[in-house]
C-alpha cells in the first residue's frame, strides 16, 4: 500500500504558505496608510501608464468597470486619485 505523504513534503504547500505570508504582510503595511491591496494595484497601474479611462484601468487591473468605478469613488474621497471627464470623449472617465 502506498504511503500518503505529509503536506510538509510538498513544495507547492510551502510556496502557498510563503505567498500567504507575503500577501498578509503587504496588506498590513498598506493598511497603515488606509490603502487596500486592490487600491494599491489601481494606483500602481495608473503610475505606470499615466491617465487611463475607467474601462482601460479595469481591463489592466482585471476587475469589471462597475467595481472599479465604486473603488475609484472611494479613492477620490481619500485623495488618492483624480477622476475627470475625458475632454475629447465626454462619455469616458479618466483616472
PDB file of N, CA and C in Angstrom:
ATOM      1  N   UNK A   1       0.835  -1.182   0.000  1.00  0.00           N
ATOM      2  CA  UNK A   1       0.000   0.000   0.000  1.00  0.00           C
ATOM      3  C   UNK A   1       0.883   1.250   0.000  1.00  0.00           C
ATOM      4  N   UNK A   2       0.485   2.213  -0.793  1.00  0.00           N
ATOM      5  CA  UNK A   2       1.269   3.439  -0.944  1.00  0.00           C
ATOM      6  C   UNK A   2       1.040   4.360   0.255  1.00  0.00           C
ATOM      7  N   UNK A   3       2.143   4.884   0.807  1.00  0.00           N
ATOM      8  CA  UNK A   3       2.061   5.793   1.952  1.00  0.00           C
ATOM      9  C   UNK A   3       1.658   7.188   1.470  1.00  0.00           C
ATOM     10  N   UNK A   4       0.724   7.817   2.178  1.00  0.00           N
ATOM     11  CA  UNK A   4       0.303   9.183   1.863  1.00  0.00           C
ATOM     12  C   UNK A   4       1.309  10.135   2.495  1.00  0.00           C
ATOM     13  N   UNK A   5       1.857  10.993   1.652  1.00  0.00           N
ATOM     14  CA  UNK A   5       2.880  11.911   2.148  1.00  0.00           C
ATOM     15  C   UNK A   5       2.243  13.078   2.908  1.00  0.00           C
ATOM     16  N   UNK A   6       3.027  13.659   3.764  1.00  0.00           N
ATOM     17  CA  UNK A   6       2.605  14.818   4.550  1.00  0.00           C
ATOM     18  C   UNK A   6       2.636  16.072   3.681  1.00  0.00           C
ATOM     19  N   UNK A   7       1.826  17.035   4.030  1.00  0.00           N
ATOM     20  CA  UNK A   7       1.860  18.320   3.319  1.00  0.00           C
ATOM     21  C   UNK A   7       3.247  18.948   3.376  1.00  0.00           C
ATOM     22  N   UNK A   8       3.932  18.726   4.473  1.00  0.00           N
ATOM     23  CA  UNK A   8       5.272  19.292   4.648  1.00  0.00           C
ATOM     24  C   UNK A   8       6.261  18.804   3.584  1.00  0.00           C
ATOM     25  N   UNK A   9       5.935  17.714   2.911  1.00  0.00           N
ATOM     26  CA  UNK A   9       6.812  17.157   1.887  1.00  0.00           C
ATOM     27  C   UNK A   9       6.578  17.765   0.505  1.00  0.00           C
ATOM     28  N   UNK A  10       5.623  18.669   0.377  1.00  0.00           N
ATOM     29  CA  UNK A  10       5.268  19.209  -0.934  1.00  0.00           C
ATOM     30  C   UNK A  10       5.700  20.664  -1.080  1.00  0.00           C
ATOM     31  N   UNK A  11       6.473  20.929  -2.121  1.00  0.00           N
ATOM     32  CA  UNK A  11       6.943  22.282  -2.392  1.00  0.00           C
ATOM     33  C   UNK A  11       5.764  23.233  -2.591  1.00  0.00           C
ATOM     34  N   UNK A  12       4.729  22.790  -3.264  1.00  0.00           N
ATOM     35  CA  UNK A  12       3.556  23.625  -3.507  1.00  0.00           C
ATOM     36  C   UNK A  12       2.938  24.132  -2.211  1.00  0.00           C
ATOM     37  N   UNK A  13       2.902  23.299  -1.201  1.00  0.00           N
ATOM     38  CA  UNK A  13       2.367  23.695   0.104  1.00  0.00           C
ATOM     39  C   UNK A  13       3.193  24.835   0.683  1.00  0.00           C
ATOM     40  N   UNK A  14       4.521  24.720   0.631  1.00  0.00           N
ATOM     41  CA  UNK A  14       5.394  25.743   1.199  1.00  0.00           C
ATOM     42  C   UNK A  14       5.344  27.037   0.391  1.00  0.00           C
ATOM     43  N   UNK A  15       5.207  26.910  -0.917  1.00  0.00           N
ATOM     44  CA  UNK A  15       5.066  28.114  -1.746  1.00  0.00           C
ATOM     45  C   UNK A  15       3.768  28.842  -1.408  1.00  0.00           C
ATOM     46  N   UNK A  16       2.710  28.090  -1.181  1.00  0.00           N
ATOM     47  CA  UNK A  16       1.428  28.689  -0.794  1.00  0.00           C
ATOM     48  C   UNK A  16       1.548  29.393   0.565  1.00  0.00           C
ATOM     49  N   UNK A  17       2.234  28.759   1.512  1.00  0.00           N
ATOM     50  CA  UNK A  17       2.444  29.384   2.830  1.00  0.00           C
ATOM     51  C   UNK A  17       3.233  30.683   2.690  1.00  0.00           C
ATOM     52  N   UNK A  18       4.274  30.646   1.892  1.00  0.00           N
ATOM     53  CA  UNK A  18       5.087  31.842   1.672  1.00  0.00           C
ATOM     54  C   UNK A  18       4.263  32.940   1.006  1.00  0.00           C
ATOM     55  N   UNK A  19       3.487  32.562   0.004  1.00  0.00           N
ATOM     56  CA  UNK A  19       2.635  33.531  -0.687  1.00  0.00           C
ATOM     57  C   UNK A  19       1.643  34.175   0.280  1.00  0.00           C
ATOM     58  N   UNK A  20       1.033  33.377   1.121  1.00  0.00           N
ATOM     59  CA  UNK A  20       0.090  33.923   2.115  1.00  0.00           C
ATOM     60  C   UNK A  20       0.788  34.877   3.070  1.00  0.00           C
ATOM     61  N   UNK A  21       1.973  34.503   3.525  1.00  0.00           N
ATOM     62  CA  UNK A  21       2.717  35.342   4.452  1.00  0.00           C
ATOM     63  C   UNK A  21       3.065  36.691   3.820  1.00  0.00           C
ATOM     64  N   UNK A  22       3.574  36.659   2.582  1.00  0.00           N
ATOM     65  CA  UNK A  22       3.949  37.891   1.894  1.00  0.00           C
ATOM     66  C   UNK A  22       2.714  38.756   1.645  1.00  0.00           C
ATOM     67  N   UNK A  23       1.628  38.149   1.198  1.00  0.00           N
ATOM     68  CA  UNK A  23       0.384  38.890   0.930  1.00  0.00           C
ATOM     69  C   UNK A  23      -0.156  39.555   2.191  1.00  0.00           C
ATOM     70  N   UNK A  24      -0.182  38.813   3.280  1.00  0.00           N
ATOM     71  CA  UNK A  24      -0.681  39.361   4.549  1.00  0.00           C
ATOM     72  C   UNK A  24       0.225  40.480   5.058  1.00  0.00           C
ATOM     73  N   UNK A  25       1.527  40.305   4.936  1.00  0.00           N
ATOM     74  CA  UNK A  25       2.470  41.342   5.380  1.00  0.00           C
ATOM     75  C   UNK A  25       2.298  42.619   4.565  1.00  0.00           C
ATOM     76  N   UNK A  26       2.144  42.465   3.249  1.00  0.00           N
ATOM     77  CA  UNK A  26       1.959  43.614   2.371  1.00  0.00           C
ATOM     78  C   UNK A  26       0.654  44.331   2.695  1.00  0.00           C
ATOM     79  N   UNK A  27      -0.413  43.578   2.894  1.00  0.00           N
ATOM     80  CA  UNK A  27      -1.717  44.173   3.221  1.00  0.00           C
ATOM     81  C   UNK A  27      -1.648  44.945   4.535  1.00  0.00           C
ATOM     82  N   UNK A  28      -0.943  44.421   5.520  1.00  0.00           N
ATOM     83  CA  UNK A  28      -0.803  45.113   6.809  1.00  0.00           C
ATOM     84  C   UNK A  28      -0.022  46.419   6.660  1.00  0.00           C
ATOM     85  N   UNK A  29       1.006  46.406   5.834  1.00  0.00           N
ATOM     86  CA  UNK A  29       1.778  47.637   5.612  1.00  0.00           C
ATOM     87  C   UNK A  29       0.924  48.697   4.927  1.00  0.00           C
ATOM     88  N   UNK A  30       0.126  48.281   3.954  1.00  0.00           N
ATOM     89  CA  UNK A  30      -0.757  49.222   3.264  1.00  0.00           C
ATOM     90  C   UNK A  30      -1.852  49.737   4.191  1.00  0.00           C
ATOM     91  N   UNK A  31      -2.326  48.865   5.069  1.00  0.00           N
ATOM     92  CA  UNK A  31      -3.408  49.228   5.991  1.00  0.00           C
ATOM     93  C   UNK A  31      -3.004  50.420   6.873  1.00  0.00           C
ATOM     94  N   UNK A  32      -1.735  50.534   7.189  1.00  0.00           N
ATOM     95  CA  UNK A  32      -1.243  51.660   7.986  1.00  0.00           C
ATOM     96  C   UNK A  32      -1.477  52.991   7.277  1.00  0.00           C
ATOM     97  N   UNK A  33      -1.603  52.933   5.947  1.00  0.00           N
ATOM     98  CA  UNK A  33      -1.827  54.134   5.141  1.00  0.00           C
ATOM     99  C   UNK A  33      -3.267  54.222   4.647  1.00  0.00           C
ATOM    100  N   UNK A  34      -4.122  53.357   5.190  1.00  0.00           N
ATOM    101  CA  UNK A  34      -5.544  53.309   4.817  1.00  0.00           C
ATOM    102  C   UNK A  34      -5.731  53.021   3.325  1.00  0.00           C
ATOM    103  N   UNK A  35      -4.918  52.090   2.829  1.00  0.00           N
ATOM    104  CA  UNK A  35      -4.982  51.680   1.424  1.00  0.00           C
ATOM    105  C   UNK A  35      -5.130  50.161   1.383  1.00  0.00           C
ATOM    106  N   UNK A  36      -6.024  49.689   0.527  1.00  0.00           N
ATOM    107  CA  UNK A  36      -6.169  48.248   0.332  1.00  0.00           C
ATOM    108  C   UNK A  36      -5.231  47.782  -0.769  1.00  0.00           C
ATOM    109  N   UNK A  37      -5.029  46.479  -0.845  1.00  0.00           N
ATOM    110  CA  UNK A  37      -4.179  45.929  -1.909  1.00  0.00           C
ATOM    111  C   UNK A  37      -4.780  46.263  -3.271  1.00  0.00           C
ATOM    112  N   UNK A  38      -6.086  46.137  -3.409  1.00  0.00           N
ATOM    113  CA  UNK A  38      -6.751  46.451  -4.682  1.00  0.00           C
ATOM    114  C   UNK A  38      -6.539  47.914  -5.067  1.00  0.00           C
ATOM    115  N   UNK A  39      -6.630  48.819  -4.099  1.00  0.00           N
ATOM    116  CA  UNK A  39      -6.397  50.234  -4.375  1.00  0.00           C
ATOM    117  C   UNK A  39      -4.951  50.470  -4.786  1.00  0.00           C
ATOM    118  N   UNK A  40      -4.016  49.783  -4.140  1.00  0.00           N
ATOM    119  CA  UNK A  40      -2.608  49.915  -4.497  1.00  0.00           C
ATOM    120  C   UNK A  40      -2.384  49.456  -5.938  1.00  0.00           C
ATOM    121  N   UNK A  41      -3.029  48.350  -6.328  1.00  0.00           N
ATOM    122  CA  UNK A  41      -2.882  47.842  -7.695  1.00  0.00           C
ATOM    123  C   UNK A  41      -3.370  48.890  -8.694  1.00  0.00           C
ATOM    124  N   UNK A  42      -4.485  49.537  -8.396  1.00  0.00           N
ATOM    125  CA  UNK A  42      -5.008  50.577  -9.286  1.00  0.00           C
ATOM    126  C   UNK A  42      -4.013  51.737  -9.370  1.00  0.00           C
ATOM    127  N   UNK A  43      -3.543  52.215  -8.223  1.00  0.00           N
ATOM    128  CA  UNK A  43      -2.598  53.333  -8.228  1.00  0.00           C
ATOM    129  C   UNK A  43      -1.307  52.967  -8.950  1.00  0.00           C
ATOM    130  N   UNK A  44      -0.829  51.755  -8.757  1.00  0.00           N
ATOM    131  CA  UNK A  44       0.403  51.320  -9.423  1.00  0.00           C
ATOM    132  C   UNK A  44       0.190  51.255 -10.932  1.00  0.00           C
ATOM    133  N   UNK A  45      -0.968  50.811 -11.354  1.00  0.00           N
ATOM    134  CA  UNK A  45      -1.284  50.758 -12.788  1.00  0.00           C
ATOM    135  C   UNK A  45      -1.327  52.155 -13.383  1.00  0.00           C
ATOM    136  N   UNK A  46      -1.930  53.082 -12.667  1.00  0.00           N
ATOM    137  CA  UNK A  46      -2.004  54.461 -13.150  1.00  0.00           C
ATOM    138  C   UNK A  46      -0.617  55.094 -13.198  1.00  0.00           C
ATOM    139  N   UNK A  47       0.198  54.800 -12.201  1.00  0.00           N
ATOM    140  CA  UNK A  47       1.547  55.355 -12.159  1.00  0.00           C
ATOM    141  C   UNK A  47       2.354  54.890 -13.365  1.00  0.00           C
ATOM    142  N   UNK A  48       2.208  53.651 -13.726  1.00  0.00           N
ATOM    143  CA  UNK A  48       2.977  53.100 -14.827  1.00  0.00           C
ATOM    144  C   UNK A  48       2.465  53.486 -16.202  1.00  0.00           C
ATOM    145  N   UNK A  49       1.168  53.774 -16.301  1.00  0.00           N
ATOM    146  CA  UNK A  49       0.558  54.020 -17.606  1.00  0.00           C
ATOM    147  C   UNK A  49       0.111  55.459 -17.818  1.00  0.00           C
ATOM    148  N   UNK A  50       0.036  56.258 -16.779  1.00  0.00           N
ATOM    149  CA  UNK A  50      -0.489  57.620 -16.913  1.00  0.00           C
ATOM    150  C   UNK A  50      -2.007  57.603 -16.850  1.00  0.00           C
ATOM    151  N   UNK A  51      -2.620  58.645 -17.391  1.00  0.00           N
ATOM    152  CA  UNK A  51      -4.085  58.725 -17.380  1.00  0.00           C
ATOM    153  C   UNK A  51      -4.686  57.568 -18.166  1.00  0.00           C
ATOM    154  N   UNK A  52      -5.639  56.904 -17.555  1.00  0.00           N
ATOM    155  CA  UNK A  52      -6.349  55.809 -18.207  1.00  0.00           C
ATOM    156  C   UNK A  52      -7.846  56.044 -18.078  1.00  0.00           C
ATOM    157  N   UNK A  53      -8.599  55.555 -19.050  1.00  0.00           N
ATOM    158  CA  UNK A  53     -10.048  55.585 -18.872  1.00  0.00           C
ATOM    159  C   UNK A  53     -10.400  54.525 -17.836  1.00  0.00           C
ATOM    160  N   UNK A  54     -11.574  54.653 -17.288  1.00  0.00           N
ATOM    161  CA  UNK A  54     -12.048  53.689 -16.309  1.00  0.00           C
ATOM    162  C   UNK A  54     -12.031  52.283 -16.907  1.00  0.00           C
ATOM    163  N   UNK A  55     -12.491  52.145 -18.152  1.00  0.00           N
ATOM    164  CA  UNK A  55     -12.522  50.830 -18.801  1.00  0.00           C
ATOM    165  C   UNK A  55     -11.124  50.270 -19.042  1.00  0.00           C
ATOM    166  N   UNK A  56     -10.185  51.126 -19.445  1.00  0.00           N
ATOM    167  CA  UNK A  56      -8.803  50.675 -19.646  1.00  0.00           C
ATOM    168  C   UNK A  56      -8.208  50.193 -18.326  1.00  0.00           C
ATOM    169  N   UNK A  57      -8.399  50.967 -17.267  1.00  0.00           N
ATOM    170  CA  UNK A  57      -7.864  50.599 -15.952  1.00  0.00           C
ATOM    171  C   UNK A  57      -8.490  49.293 -15.465  1.00  0.00           C
ATOM    172  N   UNK A  58      -9.789  49.135 -15.657  1.00  0.00           N
ATOM    173  CA  UNK A  58     -10.475  47.907 -15.240  1.00  0.00           C
ATOM    174  C   UNK A  58      -9.893  46.699 -15.965  1.00  0.00           C
ATOM    175  N   UNK A  59      -9.623  46.849 -17.243  1.00  0.00           N
ATOM    176  CA  UNK A  59      -9.066  45.750 -18.036  1.00  0.00           C
ATOM    177  C   UNK A  59      -7.658  45.392 -17.532  1.00  0.00           C
ATOM    178  N   UNK A  60      -6.844  46.394 -17.239  1.00  0.00           N
ATOM    179  CA  UNK A  60      -5.478  46.154 -16.756  1.00  0.00           C
ATOM    180  C   UNK A  60      -5.486  45.501 -15.382  1.00  0.00           C
ATOM    181  N   UNK A  61      -6.345  46.009 -14.485  1.00  0.00           N
ATOM    182  CA  UNK A  61      -6.399  45.513 -13.112  1.00  0.00           C
ATOM    183  C   UNK A  61      -7.089  44.153 -13.039  1.00  0.00           C
ATOM    184  N   UNK A  62      -7.973  43.888 -13.996  1.00  0.00           N
ATOM    185  CA  UNK A  62      -8.643  42.589 -14.024  1.00  0.00           C
ATOM    186  C   UNK A  62      -9.935  42.529 -13.239  1.00  0.00           C
ATOM    187  N   UNK A  63     -10.623  43.671 -13.131  1.00  0.00           N
ATOM    188  CA  UNK A  63     -11.946  43.690 -12.494  1.00  0.00           C
ATOM    189  C   UNK A  63     -12.922  44.383 -13.435  1.00  0.00           C
ATOM    190  N   UNK A  64     -14.202  44.214 -13.165  1.00  0.00           N
ATOM    191  CA  UNK A  64     -15.183  44.850 -14.049  1.00  0.00           C
ATOM    192  C   UNK A  64     -15.248  46.352 -13.768  1.00  0.00           C
ATOM    193  N   UNK A  65     -15.667  47.094 -14.783  1.00  0.00           N
ATOM    194  CA  UNK A  65     -15.664  48.560 -14.713  1.00  0.00           C
ATOM    195  C   UNK A  65     -16.565  49.087 -13.600  1.00  0.00           C
ATOM    196  N   UNK A  66     -17.689  48.422 -13.338  1.00  0.00           N
ATOM    197  CA  UNK A  66     -18.584  48.917 -12.288  1.00  0.00           C
ATOM    198  C   UNK A  66     -17.933  48.792 -10.905  1.00  0.00           C
ATOM    199  N   UNK A  67     -17.201  47.709 -10.672  1.00  0.00           N
ATOM    200  CA  UNK A  67     -16.479  47.554  -9.397  1.00  0.00           C
ATOM    201  C   UNK A  67     -15.380  48.595  -9.272  1.00  0.00           C
ATOM    202  N   UNK A  68     -14.655  48.816 -10.364  1.00  0.00           N
ATOM    203  CA  UNK A  68     -13.590  49.826 -10.329  1.00  0.00           C
ATOM    204  C   UNK A  68     -14.174  51.217 -10.136  1.00  0.00           C
ATOM    205  N   UNK A  69     -15.328  51.474 -10.718  1.00  0.00           N
ATOM    206  CA  UNK A  69     -15.967  52.781 -10.554  1.00  0.00           C
ATOM    207  C   UNK A  69     -16.261  53.063  -9.081  1.00  0.00           C
ATOM    208  N   UNK A  70     -16.797  52.080  -8.377  1.00  0.00           N
ATOM    209  CA  UNK A  70     -17.073  52.248  -6.940  1.00  0.00           C
ATOM    210  C   UNK A  70     -15.777  52.432  -6.154  1.00  0.00           C
ATOM    211  N   UNK A  71     -14.761  51.624  -6.488  1.00  0.00           N
ATOM    212  CA  UNK A  71     -13.481  51.745  -5.802  1.00  0.00           C
ATOM    213  C   UNK A  71     -12.854  53.106  -6.081  1.00  0.00           C
ATOM    214  N   UNK A  72     -12.915  53.546  -7.325  1.00  0.00           N
ATOM    215  CA  UNK A  72     -12.335  54.840  -7.701  1.00  0.00           C
ATOM    216  C   UNK A  72     -13.000  55.975  -6.931  1.00  0.00           C
ATOM    217  N   UNK A  73     -14.301  55.877  -6.738  1.00  0.00           N
ATOM    218  CA  UNK A  73     -15.011  56.917  -5.980  1.00  0.00           C
ATOM    219  C   UNK A  73     -14.475  56.998  -4.551  1.00  0.00           C
ATOM    220  N   UNK A  74     -14.256  55.851  -3.914  1.00  0.00           N
ATOM    221  CA  UNK A  74     -13.686  55.839  -2.553  1.00  0.00           C
ATOM    222  C   UNK A  74     -12.262  56.405  -2.567  1.00  0.00           C
ATOM    223  N   UNK A  75     -11.510  56.075  -3.609  1.00  0.00           N
ATOM    224  CA  UNK A  75     -10.135  56.564  -3.700  1.00  0.00           C
ATOM    225  C   UNK A  75     -10.088  58.074  -3.923  1.00  0.00           C
ATOM    226  N   UNK A  76     -11.028  58.606  -4.676  1.00  0.00           N
ATOM    227  CA  UNK A  76     -11.120  60.058  -4.872  1.00  0.00           C
ATOM    228  C   UNK A  76     -11.390  60.733  -3.532  1.00  0.00           C
ATOM    229  N   UNK A  77     -12.328  60.182  -2.756  1.00  0.00           N
ATOM    230  CA  UNK A  77     -12.644  60.770  -1.441  1.00  0.00           C
ATOM    231  C   UNK A  77     -11.449  60.728  -0.485  1.00  0.00           C
ATOM    232  N   UNK A  78     -10.587  59.727  -0.640  1.00  0.00           N
ATOM    233  CA  UNK A  78      -9.378  59.632   0.188  1.00  0.00           C
ATOM    234  C   UNK A  78      -8.258  60.533  -0.332  1.00  0.00           C
ATOM    235  N   UNK A  79      -8.440  61.097  -1.532  1.00  0.00           N
ATOM    236  CA  UNK A  79      -7.411  61.932  -2.122  1.00  0.00           C
ATOM    237  C   UNK A  79      -6.295  61.142  -2.786  1.00  0.00           C
ATOM    238  N   UNK A  80      -6.559  59.872  -3.114  1.00  0.00           N
ATOM    239  CA  UNK A  80      -5.532  59.021  -3.705  1.00  0.00           C
ATOM    240  C   UNK A  80      -5.410  59.191  -5.217  1.00  0.00           C
ATOM    241  N   UNK A  81      -6.523  59.463  -5.878  1.00  0.00           N
ATOM    242  CA  UNK A  81      -6.525  59.628  -7.338  1.00  0.00           C
ATOM    243  C   UNK A  81      -7.462  60.766  -7.717  1.00  0.00           C
ATOM    244  N   UNK A  82      -7.347  61.203  -8.955  1.00  0.00           N
ATOM    245  CA  UNK A  82      -8.283  62.164  -9.531  1.00  0.00           C
ATOM    246  C   UNK A  82      -9.145  61.438 -10.548  1.00  0.00           C
ATOM    247  N   UNK A  83     -10.374  61.905 -10.675  1.00  0.00           N
ATOM    248  CA  UNK A  83     -11.315  61.308 -11.623  1.00  0.00           C
ATOM    249  C   UNK A  83     -11.941  62.457 -12.398  1.00  0.00           C
ATOM    250  N   UNK A  84     -11.732  62.473 -13.718  1.00  0.00           N
ATOM    251  CA  UNK A  84     -12.219  63.576 -14.545  1.00  0.00           C
ATOM    252  C   UNK A  84     -12.873  63.038 -15.812  1.00  0.00           C
ATOM    253  N   UNK A  85     -13.766  63.839 -16.361  1.00  0.00           N
ATOM    254  CA  UNK A  85     -14.354  63.509 -17.654  1.00  0.00           C
ATOM    255  C   UNK A  85     -13.319  63.774 -18.735  1.00  0.00           C
ATOM    256  N   UNK A  86     -13.207  62.847 -19.673  1.00  0.00           N
ATOM    257  CA  UNK A  86     -12.277  62.999 -20.790  1.00  0.00           C
ATOM    258  C   UNK A  86     -12.750  64.155 -21.662  1.00  0.00           C
ATOM    259  N   UNK A  87     -11.913  65.189 -21.889  1.00  0.00           N
ATOM    260  CA  UNK A  87     -12.351  66.338 -22.676  1.00  0.00           C
ATOM    261  C   UNK A  87     -12.646  65.989 -24.142  1.00  0.00           C
ATOM    262  N   UNK A  88     -12.035  64.932 -24.647  1.00  0.00           N
ATOM    263  CA  UNK A  88     -12.260  64.539 -26.039  1.00  0.00           C
ATOM    264  C   UNK A  88     -13.534  63.700 -26.173  1.00  0.00           C
ATOM    265  N   UNK A  89     -13.717  62.763 -25.256  1.00  0.00           N
ATOM    266  CA  UNK A  89     -14.894  61.901 -25.264  1.00  0.00           C
ATOM    267  C   UNK A  89     -15.619  62.088 -23.935  1.00  0.00           C
ATOM    268  N   UNK A  90     -16.614  62.944 -23.910  1.00  0.00           N
ATOM    269  CA  UNK A  90     -17.294  63.320 -22.664  1.00  0.00           C
ATOM    270  C   UNK A  90     -17.974  62.126 -21.983  1.00  0.00           C
ATOM    271  N   UNK A  91     -18.132  61.019 -22.690  1.00  0.00           N
ATOM    272  CA  UNK A  91     -18.730  59.823 -22.079  1.00  0.00           C
ATOM    273  C   UNK A  91     -17.720  59.064 -21.230  1.00  0.00           C
ATOM    274  N   UNK A  92     -16.444  59.253 -21.494  1.00  0.00           N
ATOM    275  CA  UNK A  92     -15.390  58.495 -20.817  1.00  0.00           C
ATOM    276  C   UNK A  92     -14.918  59.214 -19.560  1.00  0.00           C
ATOM    277  N   UNK A  93     -14.512  58.439 -18.590  1.00  0.00           N
ATOM    278  CA  UNK A  93     -13.964  58.960 -17.337  1.00  0.00           C
ATOM    279  C   UNK A  93     -12.490  58.608 -17.302  1.00  0.00           C
ATOM    280  N   UNK A  94     -11.645  59.606 -17.024  1.00  0.00           N
ATOM    281  CA  UNK A  94     -10.199  59.393 -16.908  1.00  0.00           C
ATOM    282  C   UNK A  94      -9.813  59.338 -15.442  1.00  0.00           C
ATOM    283  N   UNK A  95      -8.923  58.426 -15.126  1.00  0.00           N
ATOM    284  CA  UNK A  95      -8.376  58.334 -13.769  1.00  0.00           C
ATOM    285  C   UNK A  95      -6.943  58.830 -13.814  1.00  0.00           C
TER     286      UNK A  95
END
